[in-house]
Amino acid sequence: MKITGEMNMEIIELFGLPGSGKTKNTVNLYNDLTKRGYKCVLIRPNEYENLPYLRHTRYIFGLLNPKYVLNVCFFLGSNICLKNKYFYSGNGIERIKILLRQIMYLEIYLDKTLDDEVDVLISDQGLVQELTGIFLEKKTYLNWIIYFTKKLNKSRNDIKFRMIDSKITSALANIKLRDRNSSPMDAYDPYKLERYLYAYSDAFETILKYYKNDSRFGRL
């Protein structure tokens, strides 16, 4: 991964299929960049290694900012009217939590005070990953990703969104190996899980096609 070495913090956000190795790749990126002399931090704890991660406490109160009320209302409307009927779990509370987490990630990405503390922020579960997974409806996830990236455009252009390529068969095998019960996907039967991964893969290809002329988006 090429880093410019400028004064501003750079952000690397990984996205890809569940089971594609995003979390493990954050470890590889961290180790590679720190060996090259960069001060790195993860956006959340890593389940494989005890690496430095960003404490979110200072961003919690930012979620109460009135400017986000309209976002929450519009998100809920999208969630009700444009949800993916086949994969939708019906858990509205969980989706509100996901939205608030995206808003917090946006606040973190836009926090210029981090430029003095960190060279590279590494994220393995950021805006693209979760906003896509909520809906899997092209009109909805693409509109939300466009909205958030436009917000980033105003004050930060040193961010890289990188997709980790993975075959459906490899992702299925990796999912079967891990013991989790943290998302609706974990309760899918094998046939539904395979359809889910194909829908997810198509969504990511749509995003990359839309942003094909945008250097921020690409493959790892």
C-alpha atoms as a PDB file:
ATOM      1  CA  MET A   1       0.000   0.000   0.000  1.00  0.00           C
ATOM      2  CA  LYS A   2       1.506   3.313  -1.099  1.00  0.00           C
ATOM      3  CA  ILE A   3       1.457   6.074   1.501  1.00  0.00           C
ATOM      4  CA  THR A   4       2.181   9.651   0.454  1.00  0.00           C
ATOM      5  CA  GLY A   5       3.979  10.634   3.649  1.00  0.00           C
ATOM      6  CA  GLU A   6       2.281  14.029   3.793  1.00  0.00           C
ATOM      7  CA  MET A   7       1.457  15.817   7.046  1.00  0.00           C
ATOM      8  CA  ASN A   8      -2.219  14.742   7.045  1.00  0.00           C
ATOM      9  CA  MET A   9      -3.284  11.418   8.468  1.00  0.00           C
ATOM     10  CA  GLU A  10      -4.175   8.905   5.767  1.00  0.00           C
ATOM     11  CA  ILE A  11      -7.087   6.505   6.124  1.00  0.00           C
ATOM     12  CA  ILE A  12      -7.254   3.015   4.665  1.00  0.00           C
ATOM     13  CA  GLU A  13     -10.709   1.443   4.780  1.00  0.00           C
ATOM     14  CA  LEU A  14     -10.953  -2.192   3.735  1.00  0.00           C
ATOM     15  CA  PHE A  15     -14.143  -3.777   2.498  1.00  0.00           C
ATOM     16  CA  GLY A  16     -15.031  -7.169   1.097  1.00  0.00           C
ATOM     17  CA  LEU A  17     -17.148 -10.252   1.546  1.00  0.00           C
ATOM     18  CA  PRO A  18     -17.660 -11.655   5.026  1.00  0.00           C
ATOM     19  CA  GLY A  19     -14.912 -14.246   5.358  1.00  0.00           C
ATOM     20  CA  SER A  20     -12.637 -12.522   2.840  1.00  0.00           C
ATOM     21  CA  GLY A  21      -9.960 -11.751   5.428  1.00  0.00           C
ATOM     22  CA  LYS A  22     -10.504  -8.052   6.184  1.00  0.00           C
ATOM     23  CA  THR A  23      -9.577  -8.334   9.849  1.00  0.00           C
ATOM     24  CA  LYS A  24      -6.449 -10.377   9.152  1.00  0.00           C
ATOM     25  CA  ASN A  25      -5.437  -7.922   6.442  1.00  0.00           C
ATOM     26  CA  THR A  26      -5.559  -5.059   8.939  1.00  0.00           C
ATOM     27  CA  VAL A  27      -2.835  -6.909  10.878  1.00  0.00           C
ATOM     28  CA  ASN A  28      -0.741  -7.281   7.708  1.00  0.00           C
ATOM     29  CA  LEU A  29      -1.179  -3.608   6.840  1.00  0.00           C
ATOM     30  CA  TYR A  30      -0.357  -2.515  10.372  1.00  0.00           C
ATOM     31  CA  ASN A  31       2.817  -4.613  10.518  1.00  0.00           C
ATOM     32  CA  ASP A  32       3.970  -3.530   7.059  1.00  0.00           C
ATOM     33  CA  LEU A  33       3.398   0.186   7.635  1.00  0.00           C
ATOM     34  CA  THR A  34       4.896   0.273  11.131  1.00  0.00           C
ATOM     35  CA  LYS A  35       8.034  -1.430   9.808  1.00  0.00           C
ATOM     36  CA  ARG A  36       8.257   1.405   7.297  1.00  0.00           C
ATOM     37  CA  GLY A  37       8.174   3.942  10.124  1.00  0.00           C
ATOM     38  CA  TYR A  38       4.539   5.034  10.120  1.00  0.00           C
ATOM     39  CA  LYS A  39       2.544   5.442  13.308  1.00  0.00           C
ATOM     40  CA  CYS A  40      -0.633   3.404  12.769  1.00  0.00           C
ATOM     41  CA  VAL A  41      -3.822   2.790  14.727  1.00  0.00           C
ATOM     42  CA  LEU A  42      -6.855   0.600  14.048  1.00  0.00           C
ATOM     43  CA  ILE A  43     -10.359   2.011  14.160  1.00  0.00           C
ATOM     44  CA  ARG A  44     -11.482  -0.836  16.433  1.00  0.00           C
ATOM     45  CA  PRO A  45      -9.929  -3.736  18.383  1.00  0.00           C
ATOM     46  CA  ASN A  46      -8.546  -6.605  16.316  1.00  0.00           C
ATOM     47  CA  GLU A  47      -9.611 -10.127  17.251  1.00  0.00           C
ATOM     48  CA  TYR A  48      -6.349 -11.727  16.114  1.00  0.00           C
ATOM     49  CA  GLU A  49      -3.702  -9.465  17.629  1.00  0.00           C
ATOM     50  CA  ASN A  50      -3.609  -6.910  20.407  1.00  0.00           C
ATOM     51  CA  LEU A  51      -2.836  -3.847  18.283  1.00  0.00           C
ATOM     52  CA  PRO A  52      -3.333  -0.167  19.159  1.00  0.00           C
ATOM     53  CA  TYR A  53      -6.854   0.997  18.356  1.00  0.00           C
ATOM     54  CA  LEU A  54      -8.690   4.304  18.514  1.00  0.00           C
ATOM     55  CA  ARG A  55     -10.680   5.040  21.662  1.00  0.00           C
ATOM     56  CA  HIS A  56     -14.148   6.190  20.649  1.00  0.00           C
ATOM     57  CA  THR A  57     -15.111   7.936  23.885  1.00  0.00           C
ATOM     58  CA  ARG A  58     -14.326  11.408  22.601  1.00  0.00           C
ATOM     59  CA  TYR A  59     -16.670  10.918  19.634  1.00  0.00           C
ATOM     60  CA  ILE A  60     -19.747   9.620  21.454  1.00  0.00           C
ATOM     61  CA  PHE A  61     -21.202  13.046  22.220  1.00  0.00           C
ATOM     62  CA  GLY A  62     -20.829  14.044  18.594  1.00  0.00           C
ATOM     63  CA  LEU A  63     -23.694  11.686  17.819  1.00  0.00           C
ATOM     64  CA  LEU A  64     -26.023  14.065  19.655  1.00  0.00           C
ATOM     65  CA  ASN A  65     -25.317  16.859  17.186  1.00  0.00           C
ATOM     66  CA  PRO A  66     -28.652  18.156  15.777  1.00  0.00           C
ATOM     67  CA  LYS A  67     -27.220  18.078  12.244  1.00  0.00           C
ATOM     68  CA  TYR A  68     -27.538  14.287  12.302  1.00  0.00           C
ATOM     69  CA  VAL A  69     -31.239  14.158  13.225  1.00  0.00           C
ATOM     70  CA  LEU A  70     -32.293  14.431   9.585  1.00  0.00           C
ATOM     71  CA  ASN A  71     -29.821  11.704   8.668  1.00  0.00           C
ATOM     72  CA  VAL A  72     -31.349   9.347  11.213  1.00  0.00           C
ATOM     73  CA  CYS A  73     -34.907  10.063  10.029  1.00  0.00           C
ATOM     74  CA  PHE A  74     -34.019   9.592   6.366  1.00  0.00           C
ATOM     75  CA  PHE A  75     -32.114   6.425   7.176  1.00  0.00           C
ATOM     76  CA  LEU A  76     -35.089   4.951   8.996  1.00  0.00           C
ATOM     77  CA  GLY A  77     -37.345   5.816   6.053  1.00  0.00           C
ATOM     78  CA  SER A  78     -34.948   4.080   3.684  1.00  0.00           C
ATOM     79  CA  ASN A  79     -34.775   1.134   6.027  1.00  0.00           C
ATOM     80  CA  ILE A  80     -38.553   0.716   6.017  1.00  0.00           C
ATOM     81  CA  CYS A  81     -39.293   1.452   2.363  1.00  0.00           C
ATOM     82  CA  LEU A  82     -36.244   0.145   0.532  1.00  0.00           C
ATOM     83  CA  LYS A  83     -35.020  -2.749   2.643  1.00  0.00           C
ATOM     84  CA  ASN A  84     -33.937  -5.940   0.958  1.00  0.00           C
ATOM     85  CA  LYS A  85     -36.883  -8.241   1.650  1.00  0.00           C
ATOM     86  CA  TYR A  86     -34.999 -11.503   1.251  1.00  0.00           C
ATOM     87  CA  PHE A  87     -32.102 -10.758   3.607  1.00  0.00           C
ATOM     88  CA  TYR A  88     -33.723  -8.219   5.927  1.00  0.00           C
ATOM     89  CA  SER A  89     -33.813  -9.424   9.536  1.00  0.00           C
ATOM     90  CA  GLY A  90     -36.392  -6.886  10.729  1.00  0.00           C
ATOM     91  CA  ASN A  91     -34.148  -5.692  13.560  1.00  0.00           C
ATOM     92  CA  GLY A  92     -34.627  -1.929  13.365  1.00  0.00           C
ATOM     93  CA  ILE A  93     -32.726  -1.257  16.596  1.00  0.00           C
ATOM     94  CA  GLU A  94     -29.632  -2.978  15.236  1.00  0.00           C
ATOM     95  CA  ARG A  95     -29.797  -0.844  12.099  1.00  0.00           C
ATOM     96  CA  ILE A  96     -30.040   2.347  14.154  1.00  0.00           C
ATOM     97  CA  LYS A  97     -26.888   1.245  15.987  1.00  0.00           C
ATOM     98  CA  ILE A  98     -25.176   0.667  12.641  1.00  0.00           C
ATOM     99  CA  LEU A  99     -26.149   4.127  11.414  1.00  0.00           C
ATOM    100  CA  LEU A 100     -24.863   5.773  14.587  1.00  0.00           C
ATOM    101  CA  ARG A 101     -21.622   3.848  14.190  1.00  0.00           C
ATOM    102  CA  GLN A 102     -21.272   5.163  10.624  1.00  0.00           C
ATOM    103  CA  ILE A 103     -21.836   8.701  11.830  1.00  0.00           C
ATOM    104  CA  MET A 104     -19.159   8.148  14.466  1.00  0.00           C
ATOM    105  CA  TYR A 105     -16.786   6.797  11.808  1.00  0.00           C
ATOM    106  CA  LEU A 106     -17.483   9.881   9.714  1.00  0.00           C
ATOM    107  CA  GLU A 107     -16.670  12.104  12.689  1.00  0.00           C
ATOM    108  CA  ILE A 108     -13.429  10.178  13.227  1.00  0.00           C
ATOM    109  CA  TYR A 109     -12.442  10.461   9.569  1.00  0.00           C
ATOM    110  CA  LEU A 110     -13.075  14.202   9.627  1.00  0.00           C
ATOM    111  CA  ASP A 111     -11.216  14.783  12.909  1.00  0.00           C
ATOM    112  CA  LYS A 112      -8.212  16.866  11.884  1.00  0.00           C
ATOM    113  CA  THR A 113      -6.722  16.702  15.393  1.00  0.00           C
ATOM    114  CA  LEU A 114      -5.776  13.100  14.613  1.00  0.00           C
ATOM    115  CA  ASP A 115      -3.341  14.394  11.985  1.00  0.00           C
ATOM    116  CA  ASP A 116      -0.955  15.307  14.813  1.00  0.00           C
ATOM    117  CA  GLU A 117      -1.301  11.898  16.492  1.00  0.00           C
ATOM    118  CA  VAL A 118      -1.456   9.267  13.749  1.00  0.00           C
ATOM    119  CA  ASP A 119       0.052   8.715  10.304  1.00  0.00           C
ATOM    120  CA  VAL A 120      -2.348   5.996   9.143  1.00  0.00           C
ATOM    121  CA  LEU A 121      -5.790   4.969  10.422  1.00  0.00           C
ATOM    122  CA  ILE A 122      -6.772   1.434   9.356  1.00  0.00           C
ATOM    123  CA  SER A 123     -10.421   0.391   9.244  1.00  0.00           C
ATOM    124  CA  ASP A 124     -11.792  -3.074   8.471  1.00  0.00           C
ATOM    125  CA  GLN A 125     -15.485  -2.409   9.126  1.00  0.00           C
ATOM    126  CA  GLY A 126     -16.174   1.093   7.937  1.00  0.00           C
ATOM    127  CA  LEU A 127     -18.611   3.069   5.843  1.00  0.00           C
ATOM    128  CA  VAL A 128     -18.638   1.034   2.625  1.00  0.00           C
ATOM    129  CA  GLN A 129     -18.830  -2.364   4.332  1.00  0.00           C
ATOM    130  CA  GLU A 130     -21.680  -1.695   6.715  1.00  0.00           C
ATOM    131  CA  LEU A 131     -23.753   0.656   4.582  1.00  0.00           C
ATOM    132  CA  THR A 132     -23.753  -1.949   1.827  1.00  0.00           C
ATOM    133  CA  GLY A 133     -24.565  -4.821   4.168  1.00  0.00           C
ATOM    134  CA  ILE A 134     -27.533  -3.049   5.725  1.00  0.00           C
ATOM    135  CA  PHE A 135     -29.533  -2.888   2.520  1.00  0.00           C
ATOM    136  CA  LEU A 136     -28.099  -4.787  -0.438  1.00  0.00           C
ATOM    137  CA  GLU A 137     -30.455  -2.620  -2.506  1.00  0.00           C
ATOM    138  CA  LYS A 138     -28.505  -0.749  -5.189  1.00  0.00           C
ATOM    139  CA  LYS A 139     -30.424   2.513  -4.989  1.00  0.00           C
ATOM    140  CA  THR A 140     -30.169   2.641  -1.219  1.00  0.00           C
ATOM    141  CA  TYR A 141     -26.602   1.588  -0.431  1.00  0.00           C
ATOM    142  CA  LEU A 142     -25.141   3.529  -3.353  1.00  0.00           C
ATOM    143  CA  ASN A 143     -26.981   6.718  -2.404  1.00  0.00           C
ATOM    144  CA  TRP A 144     -25.773   6.463   1.186  1.00  0.00           C
ATOM    145  CA  ILE A 145     -22.167   5.787   0.203  1.00  0.00           C
ATOM    146  CA  ILE A 146     -22.267   8.726  -2.217  1.00  0.00           C
ATOM    147  CA  TYR A 147     -23.669  10.885   0.579  1.00  0.00           C
ATOM    148  CA  PHE A 148     -20.945   9.958   3.068  1.00  0.00           C
ATOM    149  CA  THR A 149     -18.101  10.256   0.555  1.00  0.00           C
ATOM    150  CA  LYS A 150     -19.332  13.729  -0.400  1.00  0.00           C
ATOM    151  CA  LYS A 151     -19.164  14.639   3.262  1.00  0.00           C
ATOM    152  CA  LEU A 152     -15.562  13.455   3.288  1.00  0.00           C
ATOM    153  CA  ASN A 153     -14.747  15.431   0.140  1.00  0.00           C
ATOM    154  CA  LYS A 154     -15.225  18.712   1.974  1.00  0.00           C
ATOM    155  CA  SER A 155     -12.230  18.366   4.236  1.00  0.00           C
ATOM    156  CA  ARG A 156     -10.378  15.103   3.639  1.00  0.00           C
ATOM    157  CA  ASN A 157      -9.167  13.586   0.390  1.00  0.00           C
ATOM    158  CA  ASP A 158      -6.465  11.345   1.853  1.00  0.00           C
ATOM    159  CA  ILE A 159      -8.593   8.242   2.236  1.00  0.00           C
ATOM    160  CA  LYS A 160      -8.375   4.947   0.371  1.00  0.00           C
ATOM    161  CA  PHE A 161     -11.246   2.474   0.067  1.00  0.00           C
ATOM    162  CA  ARG A 162      -9.808  -0.900  -0.919  1.00  0.00           C
ATOM    163  CA  MET A 163     -11.742  -4.076  -1.675  1.00  0.00           C
ATOM    164  CA  ILE A 164     -10.276  -7.453  -0.773  1.00  0.00           C
ATOM    165  CA  ASP A 165     -11.033  -9.874  -3.602  1.00  0.00           C
ATOM    166  CA  SER A 166     -12.381 -13.243  -2.522  1.00  0.00           C
ATOM    167  CA  LYS A 167     -14.168 -16.111  -4.234  1.00  0.00           C
ATOM    168  CA  ILE A 168     -17.592 -17.038  -2.902  1.00  0.00           C
ATOM    169  CA  THR A 169     -16.396 -20.572  -2.170  1.00  0.00           C
ATOM    170  CA  SER A 170     -13.448 -19.287  -0.111  1.00  0.00           C
ATOM    171  CA  ALA A 171     -15.660 -16.880   1.832  1.00  0.00           C
ATOM    172  CA  LEU A 172     -18.161 -19.675   2.585  1.00  0.00           C
ATOM    173  CA  ALA A 173     -15.387 -21.937   3.827  1.00  0.00           C
ATOM    174  CA  ASN A 174     -13.963 -19.237   6.094  1.00  0.00           C
ATOM    175  CA  ILE A 175     -17.372 -18.377   7.517  1.00  0.00           C
ATOM    176  CA  LYS A 176     -17.965 -22.025   8.409  1.00  0.00           C
ATOM    177  CA  LEU A 177     -14.655 -22.126  10.304  1.00  0.00           C
ATOM    178  CA  ARG A 178     -15.420 -19.213  12.593  1.00  0.00           C
ATOM    179  CA  ASP A 179     -17.698 -19.513  15.621  1.00  0.00           C
ATOM    180  CA  ARG A 180     -19.807 -16.366  15.777  1.00  0.00           C
ATOM    181  CA  ASN A 181     -23.362 -15.342  16.447  1.00  0.00           C
ATOM    182  CA  SER A 182     -23.083 -11.609  15.978  1.00  0.00           C
ATOM    183  CA  SER A 183     -25.180 -10.870  12.897  1.00  0.00           C
ATOM    184  CA  PRO A 184     -28.315 -12.082  11.070  1.00  0.00           C
ATOM    185  CA  MET A 185     -25.999 -13.717   8.515  1.00  0.00           C
ATOM    186  CA  ASP A 186     -24.836 -16.208  11.148  1.00  0.00           C
ATOM    187  CA  ALA A 187     -28.331 -17.711  11.252  1.00  0.00           C
ATOM    188  CA  TYR A 188     -28.711 -18.162   7.482  1.00  0.00           C
ATOM    189  CA  ASP A 189     -28.989 -21.664   6.070  1.00  0.00           C
ATOM    190  CA  PRO A 190     -26.248 -22.616   3.549  1.00  0.00           C
ATOM    191  CA  TYR A 191     -28.373 -21.776   0.486  1.00  0.00           C
ATOM    192  CA  LYS A 192     -29.412 -18.367   1.810  1.00  0.00           C
ATOM    193  CA  LEU A 193     -25.866 -17.598   2.924  1.00  0.00           C
ATOM    194  CA  GLU A 194     -24.557 -18.335  -0.559  1.00  0.00           C
ATOM    195  CA  ARG A 195     -27.185 -16.063  -2.129  1.00  0.00           C
ATOM    196  CA  TYR A 196     -26.292 -13.382   0.398  1.00  0.00           C
ATOM    197  CA  LEU A 197     -22.617 -13.514  -0.533  1.00  0.00           C
ATOM    198  CA  TYR A 198     -23.409 -13.324  -4.253  1.00  0.00           C
ATOM    199  CA  ALA A 199     -25.618 -10.273  -3.616  1.00  0.00           C
ATOM    200  CA  TYR A 200     -22.869  -8.711  -1.506  1.00  0.00           C
ATOM    201  CA  SER A 201     -20.275  -9.380  -4.212  1.00  0.00           C
ATOM    202  CA  ASP A 202     -22.486  -7.823  -6.894  1.00  0.00           C
ATOM    203  CA  ALA A 203     -22.974  -4.782  -4.683  1.00  0.00           C
ATOM    204  CA  PHE A 204     -19.246  -4.236  -4.252  1.00  0.00           C
ATOM    205  CA  GLU A 205     -18.652  -4.575  -7.990  1.00  0.00           C
ATOM    206  CA  THR A 206     -21.368  -1.957  -8.552  1.00  0.00           C
ATOM    207  CA  ILE A 207     -19.612   0.405  -6.153  1.00  0.00           C
ATOM    208  CA  LEU A 208     -16.233  -0.072  -7.838  1.00  0.00           C
ATOM    209  CA  LYS A 209     -17.828   0.466 -11.253  1.00  0.00           C
ATOM    210  CA  TYR A 210     -19.483   3.680 -10.074  1.00  0.00           C
ATOM    211  CA  TYR A 211     -16.193   4.988  -8.660  1.00  0.00           C
ATOM    212  CA  LYS A 212     -13.977   3.617 -11.452  1.00  0.00           C
ATOM    213  CA  ASN A 213     -12.516   7.071 -12.142  1.00  0.00           C
ATOM    214  CA  ASP A 214     -12.040   7.884  -8.454  1.00  0.00           C
ATOM    215  CA  SER A 215      -8.542   7.016  -7.222  1.00  0.00           C
ATOM    216  CA  ARG A 216      -9.825   6.592  -3.675  1.00  0.00           C
ATOM    217  CA  PHE A 217     -11.585   3.372  -4.664  1.00  0.00           C
ATOM    218  CA  GLY A 218      -9.865   0.211  -5.852  1.00  0.00           C
ATOM    219  CA  ARG A 219      -8.726  -3.294  -4.978  1.00  0.00           C
ATOM    220  CA  LEU A 220      -6.130  -4.171  -2.393  1.00  0.00           C
END
